Amino acid sequence: MVEQFTAGYLTGQLLVAMPSMRDPRFTRTVIFMCAHNADGAMGLVLNRLVGSLTFPDLLAQLGIERPPLGRDIRVHFGGPVDTGRGFVLHTADYCE
């Protein structure tokens, strides 16, 4: 659950890079801010698909069995800074 918005912090908000953004990690990027507080920030890139990796391929690489009626889930770059972790961003109505 997303923390309640606190003045001065951006948790739960979308950041949209301005066209003048020159940092290639953030150029033309939309980021959902999962956490932002006095200790730091963590966000997920929403608009950069990993073109060569499918969700079933990702599950196979991780040794996870694919559900029999798995949906067509798109895999996105999550970074842009720490690319060694994986996260799932979903609606509040998600259930296993």
N, C-alpha and C. Protein backbone atom coordinates (compact mmCIF):
# COMPACT_ATOMS: atom_id res chain seq x y z
N MET A 1 0.84 -1.18 0.00
CA MET A 1 0.00 0.00 0.00
C MET A 1 0.88 1.24 0.00
N VAL A 2 0.53 2.23 -0.80
CA VAL A 2 1.32 3.45 -0.91
C VAL A 2 1.10 4.31 0.33
N GLU A 3 2.21 4.82 0.87
CA GLU A 3 2.12 5.70 2.03
C GLU A 3 1.30 6.94 1.69
N GLN A 4 0.67 7.50 2.69
CA GLN A 4 -0.10 8.73 2.47
C GLN A 4 0.86 9.84 2.08
N PHE A 5 0.44 10.70 1.15
CA PHE A 5 1.28 11.79 0.68
C PHE A 5 1.65 12.71 1.83
N THR A 6 2.94 12.99 1.99
CA THR A 6 3.44 13.87 3.02
C THR A 6 4.05 15.09 2.34
N ALA A 7 3.74 16.27 2.83
CA ALA A 7 4.23 17.52 2.23
C ALA A 7 5.74 17.46 2.01
N GLY A 8 6.16 17.77 0.81
CA GLY A 8 7.58 17.78 0.49
C GLY A 8 8.11 16.47 -0.06
N TYR A 9 7.33 15.41 0.01
CA TYR A 9 7.76 14.11 -0.49
C TYR A 9 6.84 13.65 -1.61
N LEU A 10 7.33 12.75 -2.44
CA LEU A 10 6.62 12.37 -3.67
C LEU A 10 6.12 10.93 -3.70
N THR A 11 6.06 10.24 -2.57
CA THR A 11 5.56 8.86 -2.54
C THR A 11 4.18 8.79 -3.18
N GLY A 12 4.02 7.81 -4.09
CA GLY A 12 2.73 7.60 -4.75
C GLY A 12 2.50 8.49 -5.95
N GLN A 13 3.45 9.31 -6.29
CA GLN A 13 3.31 10.24 -7.42
C GLN A 13 4.06 9.72 -8.65
N LEU A 14 3.72 10.27 -9.80
CA LEU A 14 4.44 9.97 -11.04
C LEU A 14 5.38 11.13 -11.35
N LEU A 15 6.60 10.79 -11.73
CA LEU A 15 7.55 11.79 -12.20
C LEU A 15 7.70 11.61 -13.70
N VAL A 16 7.53 12.69 -14.44
CA VAL A 16 7.64 12.66 -15.89
C VAL A 16 8.82 13.54 -16.28
N ALA A 17 9.80 12.95 -16.95
CA ALA A 17 11.00 13.69 -17.34
C ALA A 17 10.66 14.76 -18.37
N MET A 18 11.17 15.94 -18.15
CA MET A 18 11.00 17.03 -19.12
C MET A 18 11.83 16.71 -20.36
N PRO A 19 11.41 17.20 -21.52
CA PRO A 19 12.17 16.93 -22.76
C PRO A 19 13.63 17.38 -22.68
N SER A 20 13.93 18.34 -21.84
CA SER A 20 15.30 18.84 -21.74
C SER A 20 16.20 17.96 -20.85
N MET A 21 15.65 16.93 -20.22
CA MET A 21 16.43 16.04 -19.35
C MET A 21 17.53 15.37 -20.18
N ARG A 22 18.77 15.55 -19.80
CA ARG A 22 19.90 15.04 -20.57
C ARG A 22 20.47 13.73 -20.03
N ASP A 23 20.18 13.39 -18.79
CA ASP A 23 20.70 12.15 -18.20
C ASP A 23 20.04 10.97 -18.92
N PRO A 24 20.82 10.12 -19.62
CA PRO A 24 20.23 9.03 -20.40
C PRO A 24 19.44 8.02 -19.56
N ARG A 25 19.71 7.93 -18.26
CA ARG A 25 18.94 7.02 -17.41
C ARG A 25 17.51 7.51 -17.22
N PHE A 26 17.28 8.80 -17.39
CA PHE A 26 15.97 9.37 -17.12
C PHE A 26 15.29 9.98 -18.34
N THR A 27 15.98 10.10 -19.47
CA THR A 27 15.41 10.72 -20.66
C THR A 27 14.11 10.02 -21.08
N ARG A 28 13.07 10.79 -21.31
CA ARG A 28 11.75 10.29 -21.75
C ARG A 28 11.22 9.18 -20.83
N THR A 29 11.38 9.39 -19.53
CA THR A 29 11.03 8.36 -18.57
C THR A 29 9.87 8.81 -17.67
N VAL A 30 9.00 7.86 -17.36
CA VAL A 30 7.94 8.06 -16.37
C VAL A 30 8.27 7.13 -15.20
N ILE A 31 8.36 7.70 -14.01
CA ILE A 31 8.73 6.93 -12.82
C ILE A 31 7.62 7.03 -11.78
N PHE A 32 7.21 5.86 -11.25
CA PHE A 32 6.29 5.83 -10.12
C PHE A 32 7.12 5.82 -8.85
N MET A 33 6.91 6.80 -7.98
CA MET A 33 7.67 6.90 -6.74
C MET A 33 7.05 6.00 -5.68
N CYS A 34 7.71 4.86 -5.43
CA CYS A 34 7.24 3.90 -4.42
C CYS A 34 7.50 4.41 -3.01
N ALA A 35 8.62 5.06 -2.83
CA ALA A 35 8.98 5.61 -1.52
C ALA A 35 9.82 6.85 -1.72
N HIS A 36 9.55 7.86 -0.91
CA HIS A 36 10.34 9.08 -0.93
C HIS A 36 10.19 9.72 0.44
N ASN A 37 11.29 9.77 1.18
CA ASN A 37 11.25 10.35 2.52
C ASN A 37 12.64 10.86 2.87
N ALA A 38 12.84 11.24 4.11
CA ALA A 38 14.12 11.80 4.53
C ALA A 38 15.27 10.81 4.38
N ASP A 39 14.96 9.51 4.31
CA ASP A 39 16.00 8.48 4.17
C ASP A 39 16.41 8.22 2.73
N GLY A 40 15.62 8.69 1.76
CA GLY A 40 15.96 8.46 0.36
C GLY A 40 14.72 8.29 -0.50
N ALA A 41 14.93 7.72 -1.68
CA ALA A 41 13.83 7.55 -2.64
C ALA A 41 13.99 6.24 -3.38
N MET A 42 12.85 5.70 -3.83
CA MET A 42 12.85 4.49 -4.65
C MET A 42 11.68 4.58 -5.60
N GLY A 43 11.97 4.46 -6.89
CA GLY A 43 10.93 4.53 -7.90
C GLY A 43 11.10 3.46 -8.95
N LEU A 44 10.03 3.20 -9.70
CA LEU A 44 10.05 2.22 -10.78
C LEU A 44 9.75 2.89 -12.10
N VAL A 45 10.54 2.60 -13.11
CA VAL A 45 10.31 3.11 -14.46
C VAL A 45 9.11 2.38 -15.04
N LEU A 46 8.15 3.12 -15.57
CA LEU A 46 6.93 2.51 -16.09
C LEU A 46 6.88 2.37 -17.60
N ASN A 47 7.70 3.08 -18.32
CA ASN A 47 7.52 3.14 -19.76
C ASN A 47 8.69 2.64 -20.59
N ARG A 48 9.49 1.75 -20.06
CA ARG A 48 10.60 1.17 -20.84
C ARG A 48 10.51 -0.34 -20.83
N LEU A 49 9.99 -0.89 -21.90
CA LEU A 49 9.87 -2.34 -22.03
C LEU A 49 11.22 -2.98 -22.28
N VAL A 50 11.41 -4.17 -21.73
CA VAL A 50 12.57 -4.99 -22.06
C VAL A 50 12.14 -5.77 -23.30
N GLY A 51 12.55 -5.34 -24.46
CA GLY A 51 12.06 -5.89 -25.71
C GLY A 51 12.36 -7.36 -25.95
N SER A 52 13.48 -7.85 -25.47
CA SER A 52 13.88 -9.21 -25.79
C SER A 52 13.53 -10.23 -24.70
N LEU A 53 12.92 -9.80 -23.61
CA LEU A 53 12.63 -10.70 -22.50
C LEU A 53 11.13 -10.78 -22.27
N THR A 54 10.59 -12.01 -22.33
CA THR A 54 9.17 -12.21 -22.06
C THR A 54 9.01 -12.62 -20.59
N PHE A 55 7.81 -12.50 -20.07
CA PHE A 55 7.56 -12.90 -18.69
C PHE A 55 7.82 -14.40 -18.47
N PRO A 56 7.37 -15.28 -19.37
CA PRO A 56 7.70 -16.71 -19.20
C PRO A 56 9.21 -16.95 -19.20
N ASP A 57 9.95 -16.24 -20.04
CA ASP A 57 11.41 -16.36 -20.05
C ASP A 57 12.01 -15.94 -18.71
N LEU A 58 11.50 -14.85 -18.16
CA LEU A 58 11.98 -14.36 -16.87
C LEU A 58 11.72 -15.39 -15.77
N LEU A 59 10.51 -15.94 -15.75
CA LEU A 59 10.20 -16.97 -14.75
C LEU A 59 11.12 -18.18 -14.91
N ALA A 60 11.38 -18.59 -16.14
CA ALA A 60 12.27 -19.73 -16.39
C ALA A 60 13.68 -19.44 -15.88
N GLN A 61 14.18 -18.23 -16.11
CA GLN A 61 15.51 -17.85 -15.63
C GLN A 61 15.60 -17.90 -14.12
N LEU A 62 14.48 -17.60 -13.45
CA LEU A 62 14.45 -17.58 -11.99
C LEU A 62 14.08 -18.92 -11.39
N GLY A 63 13.78 -19.91 -12.25
CA GLY A 63 13.40 -21.23 -11.78
C GLY A 63 12.02 -21.27 -11.16
N ILE A 64 11.13 -20.40 -11.63
CA ILE A 64 9.77 -20.34 -11.11
C ILE A 64 8.82 -20.93 -12.15
N GLU A 65 7.96 -21.83 -11.70
CA GLU A 65 7.01 -22.46 -12.61
C GLU A 65 5.94 -21.45 -13.02
N ARG A 66 5.66 -21.43 -14.32
CA ARG A 66 4.66 -20.51 -14.84
C ARG A 66 3.26 -21.03 -14.54
N PRO A 67 2.35 -20.14 -14.07
CA PRO A 67 0.97 -20.57 -13.84
C PRO A 67 0.36 -21.08 -15.14
N PRO A 68 -0.54 -22.08 -15.08
CA PRO A 68 -1.08 -22.67 -16.30
C PRO A 68 -1.82 -21.69 -17.21
N LEU A 69 -2.52 -20.75 -16.64
CA LEU A 69 -3.25 -19.78 -17.45
C LEU A 69 -2.68 -18.38 -17.25
N GLY A 70 -1.36 -18.29 -17.29
CA GLY A 70 -0.70 -17.01 -17.08
C GLY A 70 -1.10 -15.97 -18.11
N ARG A 71 -1.27 -14.76 -17.65
CA ARG A 71 -1.61 -13.65 -18.54
C ARG A 71 -0.37 -13.20 -19.31
N ASP A 72 -0.60 -12.44 -20.37
CA ASP A 72 0.49 -11.86 -21.15
C ASP A 72 0.99 -10.63 -20.40
N ILE A 73 2.03 -10.80 -19.60
CA ILE A 73 2.57 -9.72 -18.78
C ILE A 73 3.82 -9.17 -19.45
N ARG A 74 3.88 -7.86 -19.56
CA ARG A 74 5.04 -7.22 -20.17
C ARG A 74 6.11 -6.96 -19.12
N VAL A 75 7.35 -7.15 -19.49
CA VAL A 75 8.48 -6.93 -18.58
C VAL A 75 9.08 -5.57 -18.92
N HIS A 76 9.23 -4.75 -17.88
CA HIS A 76 9.80 -3.40 -18.04
C HIS A 76 11.13 -3.32 -17.31
N PHE A 77 11.98 -2.39 -17.79
CA PHE A 77 13.16 -2.03 -17.01
C PHE A 77 12.64 -1.38 -15.75
N GLY A 78 13.17 -1.71 -14.62
CA GLY A 78 12.68 -1.14 -13.38
C GLY A 78 13.55 -0.04 -12.84
N GLY A 79 14.82 -0.05 -13.16
CA GLY A 79 15.83 0.88 -12.65
C GLY A 79 15.32 2.28 -12.48
N PRO A 80 15.96 3.24 -12.97
CA PRO A 80 17.10 3.12 -13.88
C PRO A 80 18.45 3.01 -13.18
N VAL A 81 18.50 3.15 -11.88
CA VAL A 81 19.79 3.15 -11.21
C VAL A 81 20.18 1.75 -10.74
N ASP A 82 19.34 1.08 -9.99
CA ASP A 82 19.66 -0.27 -9.48
C ASP A 82 18.90 -1.29 -10.32
N THR A 83 19.60 -1.89 -11.27
CA THR A 83 18.94 -2.83 -12.20
C THR A 83 19.07 -4.28 -11.75
N GLY A 84 19.62 -4.53 -10.58
CA GLY A 84 19.83 -5.88 -10.11
C GLY A 84 18.69 -6.44 -9.26
N ARG A 85 17.57 -5.76 -9.21
CA ARG A 85 16.43 -6.20 -8.41
C ARG A 85 15.19 -6.26 -9.27
N GLY A 86 14.21 -7.00 -8.81
CA GLY A 86 12.95 -7.08 -9.53
C GLY A 86 11.78 -6.74 -8.62
N PHE A 87 10.80 -6.07 -9.16
CA PHE A 87 9.62 -5.67 -8.41
C PHE A 87 8.39 -5.90 -9.26
N VAL A 88 7.26 -6.09 -8.61
CA VAL A 88 5.98 -6.22 -9.31
C VAL A 88 5.10 -5.05 -8.89
N LEU A 89 4.68 -4.28 -9.85
CA LEU A 89 3.77 -3.17 -9.61
C LEU A 89 2.40 -3.60 -10.11
N HIS A 90 1.41 -3.57 -9.23
CA HIS A 90 0.07 -4.04 -9.59
C HIS A 90 -0.99 -3.21 -8.90
N THR A 91 -2.22 -3.39 -9.32
CA THR A 91 -3.33 -2.68 -8.72
C THR A 91 -3.66 -3.26 -7.35
N ALA A 92 -4.46 -2.54 -6.59
CA ALA A 92 -4.83 -2.97 -5.24
C ALA A 92 -5.75 -4.19 -5.26
N ASP A 93 -6.36 -4.50 -6.41
CA ASP A 93 -7.27 -5.64 -6.47
C ASP A 93 -6.55 -6.95 -6.82
N TYR A 94 -5.23 -6.96 -6.86
CA TYR A 94 -4.47 -8.17 -7.16
C TYR A 94 -4.62 -9.18 -6.02
N CYS A 95 -4.78 -10.42 -6.37
CA CYS A 95 -4.76 -11.50 -5.39
C CYS A 95 -4.24 -12.76 -6.07
N GLU A 96 -3.57 -13.63 -5.32
CA GLU A 96 -3.02 -14.87 -5.89
C GLU A 96 -4.10 -15.89 -6.09
